[in-house]
Protein backbone atom coordinates (compact mmCIF):
# COMPACT_ATOMS: atom_id res chain seq x y z
CA MET A 1 -25.95 -11.30 -14.46
CA ARG A 2 -27.98 -8.08 -14.52
CA THR A 3 -27.89 -7.95 -10.72
CA LEU A 4 -24.07 -8.24 -10.71
CA LEU A 5 -23.81 -5.57 -13.39
CA SER A 6 -26.09 -3.29 -11.41
CA LEU A 7 -23.96 -3.77 -8.28
CA LEU A 8 -20.80 -2.95 -10.23
CA ILE A 9 -22.40 0.21 -11.56
CA ILE A 10 -23.40 1.23 -8.03
CA VAL A 11 -19.89 0.57 -6.68
CA VAL A 12 -18.25 2.54 -9.50
CA SER A 13 -20.74 5.37 -8.95
CA ILE A 14 -19.98 5.47 -5.21
CA GLN A 15 -16.22 5.48 -5.84
CA ALA A 16 -16.55 8.29 -8.38
CA SER A 17 -18.67 10.29 -5.96
CA LEU A 18 -16.12 9.77 -3.16
CA ALA A 19 -13.30 10.89 -5.44
CA GLN A 20 -15.19 14.06 -6.34
CA ASP A 21 -15.94 14.74 -2.68
CA ILE A 22 -12.29 14.35 -1.67
CA GLU A 23 -11.07 16.51 -4.52
CA ARG A 24 -13.54 19.22 -3.47
CA ILE A 25 -12.39 18.93 0.15
CA ILE A 26 -8.74 19.31 -0.82
CA GLU A 27 -9.51 22.28 -3.09
CA LYS A 28 -11.51 24.04 -0.38
CA GLN A 29 -8.93 23.44 2.35
CA GLY A 30 -6.00 24.42 0.12
CA LYS A 31 -7.60 27.72 -0.83
CA SER A 32 -8.50 28.34 2.81
CA LEU A 33 -4.88 27.85 3.93
CA LEU A 34 -3.60 30.20 1.22
CA LYS A 35 -5.65 32.99 2.80
CA ASN A 36 -2.81 33.08 5.34
CA LYS A 37 -0.69 35.64 3.50
CA GLU A 38 2.56 34.16 4.83
CA PHE A 39 1.79 30.79 3.16
CA ARG A 40 3.31 30.87 -0.31
CA ALA A 41 2.97 27.24 -1.41
CA LEU A 42 1.48 24.09 0.04
CA SER A 43 0.62 20.51 -0.82
CA ILE A 44 -2.22 18.33 0.51
CA GLY A 45 -2.58 14.59 0.13
CA ILE A 46 -5.38 12.27 1.24
CA TYR A 47 -5.37 8.48 1.13
CA LYS A 48 -8.78 6.87 1.50
CA ASP A 49 -9.89 3.29 0.86
CA GLY A 50 -7.20 2.37 -1.63
CA GLN A 51 -7.00 5.66 -3.52
CA THR A 52 -4.59 8.58 -3.23
CA TYR A 53 -5.58 12.17 -3.96
CA MET A 54 -3.09 15.06 -4.13
CA SER A 55 -3.19 18.74 -5.02
CA HIS A 56 -0.74 21.62 -4.81
CA PHE A 57 -1.42 25.30 -4.24
CA GLY A 58 0.35 28.63 -4.53
CA THR A 59 3.79 29.25 -6.00
CA LEU A 60 7.38 28.70 -4.96
CA ASP A 61 10.16 31.11 -5.91
CA ASP A 62 10.08 32.50 -9.48
CA SER A 63 6.34 31.79 -9.67
CA VAL A 64 6.96 28.05 -10.05
CA LYS A 65 4.02 25.99 -8.85
CA PRO A 66 4.67 23.03 -6.52
CA THR A 67 4.05 19.65 -8.16
CA ASP A 68 4.17 15.95 -7.36
CA LYS A 69 7.94 16.21 -7.89
CA THR A 70 8.55 19.07 -5.43
CA ILE A 71 10.78 17.90 -2.58
CA TYR A 72 10.20 19.23 0.93
CA GLU A 73 12.13 19.06 4.18
CA ILE A 74 9.81 16.92 6.31
CA ALA A 75 11.78 17.46 9.53
CA SER A 76 10.54 15.43 12.50
CA VAL A 77 8.25 13.25 10.39
CA SER A 78 11.62 11.59 9.73
CA LYS A 79 11.20 10.00 13.15
CA THR A 80 8.44 7.75 11.83
CA PHE A 81 10.99 6.11 9.51
CA THR A 82 13.50 5.78 12.34
CA GLY A 83 10.84 4.14 14.50
CA TYR A 84 10.09 1.61 11.78
CA LEU A 85 13.78 0.71 11.41
CA VAL A 86 14.03 0.14 15.16
CA ALA A 87 10.91 -2.06 15.00
CA LYS A 88 12.52 -4.03 12.19
CA ALA A 89 15.65 -4.54 14.28
CA VAL A 90 13.44 -5.71 17.16
CA THR A 91 11.59 -8.23 14.99
CA GLU A 92 14.93 -9.50 13.67
CA GLY A 93 16.22 -10.01 17.20
CA LYS A 94 19.01 -7.46 16.81
CA ILE A 95 17.54 -5.13 19.45
CA ASN A 96 15.29 -5.55 22.46
CA LEU A 97 13.15 -2.77 23.91
CA GLU A 98 14.66 -3.50 27.31
CA ASP A 99 18.25 -3.19 26.05
CA ASN A 100 20.38 -0.55 27.75
CA ILE A 101 21.55 2.12 25.30
CA ASP A 102 25.08 1.86 26.67
CA ASP A 103 25.26 -1.71 25.34
CA LEU A 104 24.31 -0.75 21.79
CA ILE A 105 26.67 2.11 20.99
CA THR A 106 30.44 2.34 20.81
CA GLY A 107 32.23 3.81 23.82
CA ASP A 108 31.53 4.19 27.51
CA PHE A 109 28.15 5.83 28.05
CA SER A 110 27.48 4.47 31.50
CA ASN A 111 26.45 8.04 32.43
CA LEU A 112 23.12 7.42 30.67
CA SER A 113 21.39 6.28 33.83
CA PHE A 114 19.74 7.83 36.89
CA GLU A 115 20.19 6.24 40.31
CA ASP A 116 21.21 2.94 38.68
CA LYS A 117 18.23 3.03 36.31
CA PRO A 118 19.67 2.97 32.77
CA ILE A 119 18.13 4.54 29.68
CA LYS A 120 16.69 1.79 27.52
CA VAL A 121 15.65 1.57 23.88
CA LYS A 122 11.97 1.94 24.81
CA HIS A 123 12.71 5.24 26.55
CA LEU A 124 14.23 6.77 23.42
CA LEU A 125 11.29 5.58 21.32
CA THR A 126 8.77 7.22 23.63
CA HIS A 127 10.64 10.45 24.49
CA THR A 128 10.87 9.40 28.13
CA ALA A 129 14.67 9.08 28.36
CA GLY A 130 15.07 12.53 29.91
CA LEU A 131 17.33 13.73 27.09
CA PRO A 132 17.06 17.40 26.01
CA HIS A 133 15.43 18.46 22.76
CA PHE A 134 18.88 19.12 21.29
CA MET A 135 22.19 18.05 22.83
CA SER A 136 23.35 21.66 22.51
CA PRO A 137 21.20 23.98 24.66
CA ASP A 138 22.15 26.82 22.31
CA MET A 139 20.09 25.20 19.53
CA ALA A 140 16.91 25.32 21.59
CA GLU A 141 17.69 28.87 22.71
CA ALA A 142 18.11 29.95 19.08
CA PHE A 143 14.33 29.99 18.74
CA GLU A 144 14.15 32.65 21.45
CA LYS A 145 16.05 35.07 19.23
CA PRO A 146 14.27 37.86 17.31
CA ASP A 147 12.28 36.14 14.57
CA ASN A 148 14.29 37.34 11.59
CA GLU A 149 17.54 35.96 13.08
CA VAL A 150 16.35 32.43 13.87
CA PRO A 151 17.16 30.62 10.56
CA ILE A 152 20.75 31.87 10.27
CA THR A 153 21.48 31.42 13.98
CA PHE A 154 20.13 27.86 13.97
CA GLN A 155 22.02 26.90 10.81
CA SER A 156 25.28 28.13 12.31
CA LEU A 157 24.72 26.00 15.41
CA GLU A 158 23.61 23.03 13.31
CA GLN A 159 26.84 23.25 11.34
CA GLU A 160 28.86 22.99 14.56
CA MET A 161 26.91 19.92 15.75
CA THR A 162 29.06 17.19 14.21
CA LYS A 163 28.63 13.55 15.17
CA GLU A 164 31.77 13.81 17.29
CA ARG A 165 30.42 16.87 19.11
CA PHE A 166 27.06 15.18 19.63
CA LEU A 167 28.73 12.17 21.27
CA GLU A 168 30.93 14.41 23.43
CA LEU A 169 27.85 16.21 24.77
CA LEU A 170 26.05 12.89 25.22
CA LYS A 171 28.94 11.50 27.26
CA ALA A 172 28.86 14.58 29.50
CA PHE A 173 25.07 14.51 29.94
CA LYS A 174 23.62 13.67 33.36
CA PRO A 175 19.94 12.64 33.52
CA GLN A 176 17.92 14.53 36.12
CA SER A 177 15.10 12.01 36.49
CA ALA A 178 14.46 8.30 36.17
CA PRO A 179 14.01 7.05 32.59
CA GLY A 180 10.39 6.34 31.76
CA ALA A 181 9.03 8.73 34.40
CA ASN A 182 8.19 11.72 32.23
CA TYR A 183 7.51 12.57 28.60
CA LYS A 184 10.01 15.10 27.20
CA TYR A 185 10.24 15.48 23.43
CA SER A 186 13.80 14.92 22.25
CA ASN A 187 15.30 15.24 18.80
CA ALA A 188 18.56 14.10 20.37
CA GLY A 189 16.94 10.81 21.39
CA ALA A 190 15.90 10.05 17.81
CA GLU A 191 19.41 10.85 16.57
CA LEU A 192 20.80 8.48 19.18
CA LEU A 193 18.49 5.75 17.86
CA ALA A 194 19.74 6.39 14.33
CA TYR A 195 23.34 6.10 15.53
CA MET A 196 22.42 2.90 17.36
CA LEU A 197 20.96 1.46 14.15
CA THR A 198 24.17 2.19 12.25
CA THR A 199 26.16 0.21 14.82
CA VAL A 200 23.69 -2.69 14.87
CA TYR A 201 23.56 -3.04 11.09
CA ASN A 202 27.04 -1.67 10.35
CA LYS A 203 25.63 0.53 7.59
CA PRO A 204 25.05 4.29 7.18
CA PHE A 205 21.61 5.46 8.25
CA ASP A 206 20.76 6.72 4.74
CA THR A 207 21.55 3.27 3.37
CA LEU A 208 19.24 1.63 5.91
CA LEU A 209 16.41 3.98 4.92
CA LYS A 210 16.94 3.21 1.26
CA GLU A 211 17.31 -0.57 1.59
CA HIS A 212 14.56 -1.21 4.13
CA ILE A 213 11.96 1.43 3.24
CA PHE A 214 12.44 3.68 0.23
CA ASP A 215 13.43 1.15 -2.45
CA GLY A 216 10.67 -1.28 -1.51
CA LEU A 217 7.96 1.39 -1.54
CA GLY A 218 9.21 3.15 -4.66
CA MET A 219 10.02 6.31 -2.71
CA SER A 220 12.63 7.44 -5.22
CA ASP A 221 12.71 11.08 -4.10
CA SER A 222 13.26 10.50 -0.38
CA GLY A 223 16.48 10.58 1.60
CA VAL A 224 18.75 12.49 3.92
CA ARG A 225 21.38 13.14 1.24
CA LEU A 226 19.89 14.44 -2.00
CA THR A 227 21.51 14.32 -5.43
CA ALA A 228 22.37 17.58 -7.21
CA ALA A 229 19.32 17.12 -9.45
CA GLN A 230 17.04 16.54 -6.47
CA LYS A 231 18.36 19.64 -4.71
CA GLU A 232 17.08 21.64 -7.68
CA ARG A 233 13.57 20.45 -6.75
CA LEU A 234 13.91 21.16 -3.02
CA ALA A 235 11.36 23.77 -1.99
CA LYS A 236 12.71 26.92 -0.41
CA GLY A 237 10.89 27.84 2.76
CA TYR A 238 10.31 30.90 4.90
CA TRP A 239 10.46 31.54 8.62
CA SER A 240 7.77 33.63 10.29
CA LYS A 241 7.47 36.98 8.47
CA ASN A 242 10.85 36.84 6.74
CA GLU A 243 10.82 37.81 3.07
CA THR A 244 14.08 36.00 2.30
CA PRO A 245 14.10 32.19 2.22
CA SER A 246 15.62 30.21 5.06
CA PRO A 247 18.79 28.21 4.37
CA SER A 248 18.23 24.51 3.77
CA GLN A 249 19.07 22.06 6.52
CA ILE A 250 22.67 20.83 6.65
CA ILE A 251 22.14 17.59 8.66
CA PRO A 252 25.68 16.88 9.91
CA LEU A 253 24.26 14.12 12.17
CA TRP A 254 22.60 10.86 11.09
CA GLY A 255 19.25 12.39 10.18
CA GLY A 256 17.03 10.12 12.25
CA GLY A 257 15.47 13.02 14.10
CA ASN A 258 14.76 15.53 11.36
CA GLY A 259 16.87 14.83 8.29
CA VAL A 260 14.64 13.23 5.65
CA ASN A 261 13.49 15.07 2.54
CA ALA A 262 10.56 13.77 0.48
CA THR A 263 7.92 14.59 -2.09
CA LEU A 264 4.25 14.48 -1.18
CA THR A 265 4.03 11.56 -3.63
CA ASP A 266 6.50 9.57 -1.55
CA LEU A 267 4.84 10.49 1.73
CA MET A 268 1.53 9.18 0.43
CA LYS A 269 3.23 5.86 -0.38
CA TRP A 270 4.47 5.77 3.20
CA ILE A 271 0.95 6.47 4.47
CA GLU A 272 -0.53 3.72 2.28
CA PHE A 273 2.07 1.26 3.55
CA ASN A 274 1.29 2.16 7.16
CA LEU A 275 -2.43 1.62 6.61
CA ASN A 276 -2.47 -1.53 4.53
CA SER A 277 0.69 -3.59 4.90
CA ASP A 278 0.94 -6.84 6.89
CA ASP A 279 4.66 -6.24 7.35
CA LYS A 280 5.80 -7.67 10.68
CA ALA A 281 8.01 -4.72 11.57
CA LEU A 282 5.24 -2.27 10.70
CA LYS A 283 2.84 -3.97 13.08
CA GLU A 284 5.49 -3.86 15.79
CA SER A 285 6.08 -0.16 15.17
CA LYS A 286 2.43 0.61 15.91
CA GLN A 287 2.42 -1.03 19.33
CA ILE A 288 1.65 1.49 22.07
CA ILE A 289 4.63 1.15 24.41
CA TYR A 290 4.02 4.18 26.62
CA GLU A 291 0.66 5.25 27.99
CA LYS A 292 0.05 7.94 30.56
CA LYS A 293 -3.15 10.00 30.86
CA THR A 294 -3.66 11.51 27.38
CA ARG A 295 -0.19 10.69 26.04
CA TRP A 296 0.36 7.49 24.06
CA MET A 297 3.52 6.62 22.16
CA ALA A 298 4.33 3.84 19.72
CA TYR A 299 7.75 3.64 18.00
CA LEU A 300 8.28 7.43 17.74
CA TRP A 301 4.69 7.81 16.50
CA ASN A 302 2.31 9.85 18.64
CA GLY A 303 -0.68 7.66 19.41
CA TRP A 304 -4.17 8.94 20.06
CA LYS A 305 -7.26 7.14 21.36
CA ASP A 306 -10.73 8.59 20.94
CA LYS A 307 -13.95 8.04 18.98
CA ASN A 308 -11.81 7.64 15.86
CA GLY A 309 -10.10 4.58 17.31
CA THR A 310 -6.36 4.44 17.80
CA SER A 311 -4.77 6.87 15.36
CA TYR A 312 -1.19 7.99 14.81
CA ASN A 313 0.34 11.33 13.89
CA HIS A 314 3.55 13.28 13.68
CA HIS A 315 4.42 16.90 13.07
CA GLY A 316 7.60 18.17 11.49
CA GLY A 317 9.04 21.65 11.28
CA THR A 318 12.24 23.33 10.11
CA THR A 319 12.91 27.05 9.81
CA GLY A 320 11.35 26.88 6.34
CA THR A 321 8.68 24.17 6.21
CA GLN A 322 6.08 22.51 8.39
CA ASN A 323 4.02 19.40 7.87
CA TRP A 324 1.65 16.97 9.55
CA VAL A 325 1.03 13.29 8.85
CA PHE A 326 -2.10 11.63 10.27
CA ILE A 327 -3.10 7.96 10.03
CA PHE A 328 -6.56 6.67 10.95
CA PRO A 329 -6.68 2.86 10.57
CA LYS A 330 -10.36 2.74 11.56
CA TYR A 331 -11.29 4.68 8.41
CA ASN A 332 -8.41 3.52 6.17
CA LEU A 333 -7.59 7.21 6.00
CA GLY A 334 -4.30 9.08 5.88
CA ILE A 335 -3.54 12.79 5.52
CA SER A 336 -0.39 14.74 4.73
CA ILE A 337 -0.23 18.54 4.65
CA ILE A 338 2.98 20.45 3.86
CA VAL A 339 3.61 24.20 3.62
CA ASN A 340 6.83 26.06 2.81
CA HIS A 341 6.41 28.32 5.82
CA SER A 342 7.36 27.90 9.44
CA GLY A 343 5.98 30.01 12.24
CA ARG A 344 4.79 29.54 15.79
CA LYS A 345 1.13 29.29 14.76
CA THR A 346 1.67 27.18 11.63
CA PRO A 347 1.20 23.75 13.30
CA ALA A 348 -2.22 24.71 14.68
CA LYS A 349 -3.37 26.06 11.31
CA LEU A 350 -2.39 22.85 9.51
CA GLY A 351 -3.79 20.71 12.31
CA LYS A 352 -7.17 22.43 12.10
CA VAL A 353 -7.41 21.59 8.41
CA ALA A 354 -6.59 17.96 9.14
CA LYS A 355 -9.34 17.80 11.78
CA ASP A 356 -11.85 19.26 9.32
CA ILE A 357 -10.88 16.63 6.76
CA VAL A 358 -11.33 13.80 9.28
CA LYS A 359 -14.78 15.04 10.25
CA GLN A 360 -15.86 14.82 6.63
CA LEU A 361 -14.26 11.44 5.86
CA ALA A 362 -14.73 9.55 9.13
CA TYR A 363 -16.72 6.61 7.75
């Protein structure tokens, strides 16, 4: 009995020590990031061995501090949810990775092939379909404008990109290389997957997110379409050196590429699910389905293989926020870092912090 009690005391002591270590790590890294004068507010979350740790730093507009209830635009991290929904459709037999895209969407899109090699579901999931980043080339070119003009220019173009316009451009698109040959990151491809899911399930994409992910995980502050009350908690963000906040995303499309908004609290629930669940669709979504040199792709997750095992990550960025999500199954470790600033060097700065955290918790 005394031996068991002693072991329990040791375990509790180790857990308490780990918690203190992680809290110190978050505090140190948060203060370090705030030394970047353009970073106004940020949130850091770490999941490790069954426990979640979160802290928030800086201030939003009107000197309001970010909290567990602050909602952020998570941009392309949205793709990780889209990938899971596709994996679910695969496990349910509604979709096959080898299916031609033309067979899964309404209308004639027989143009989505190169020399009789059609674009398949697996190509969209791995960014090897040959589709452009955005269906409108003007949207990509907007980021070549003078820095202070980027947010307004991009929002104007985003507003014009209706679902009808997206499909018109898709129907006119002509692939320039064989599907599967080359990696080319494409927001348009993820949107096409979201559209495909709405036709397969005959439900809006937001409804699919809610029914198959958010409700089950208790992610009550996540979605493409926010309520009026939730919009009040949406963090305003800043582009580059702009002193005025960027306009919030409009998301006239489905939202599978960059449309989800979420709190850090909800993102940590998503991380925990990805690390610990035995869900069949989740396991499918982590299968590496494209591998070439140093590039590995699962279902819209970037895969990485090194001394840390097979890990997964995704970056997201709008004209006002940027964030990274990292998952390390080998260490039962997940990291989420969000800042209400978006600049060309922001991803590297956040990524460096994540690497430092992994070095300290890789056990």
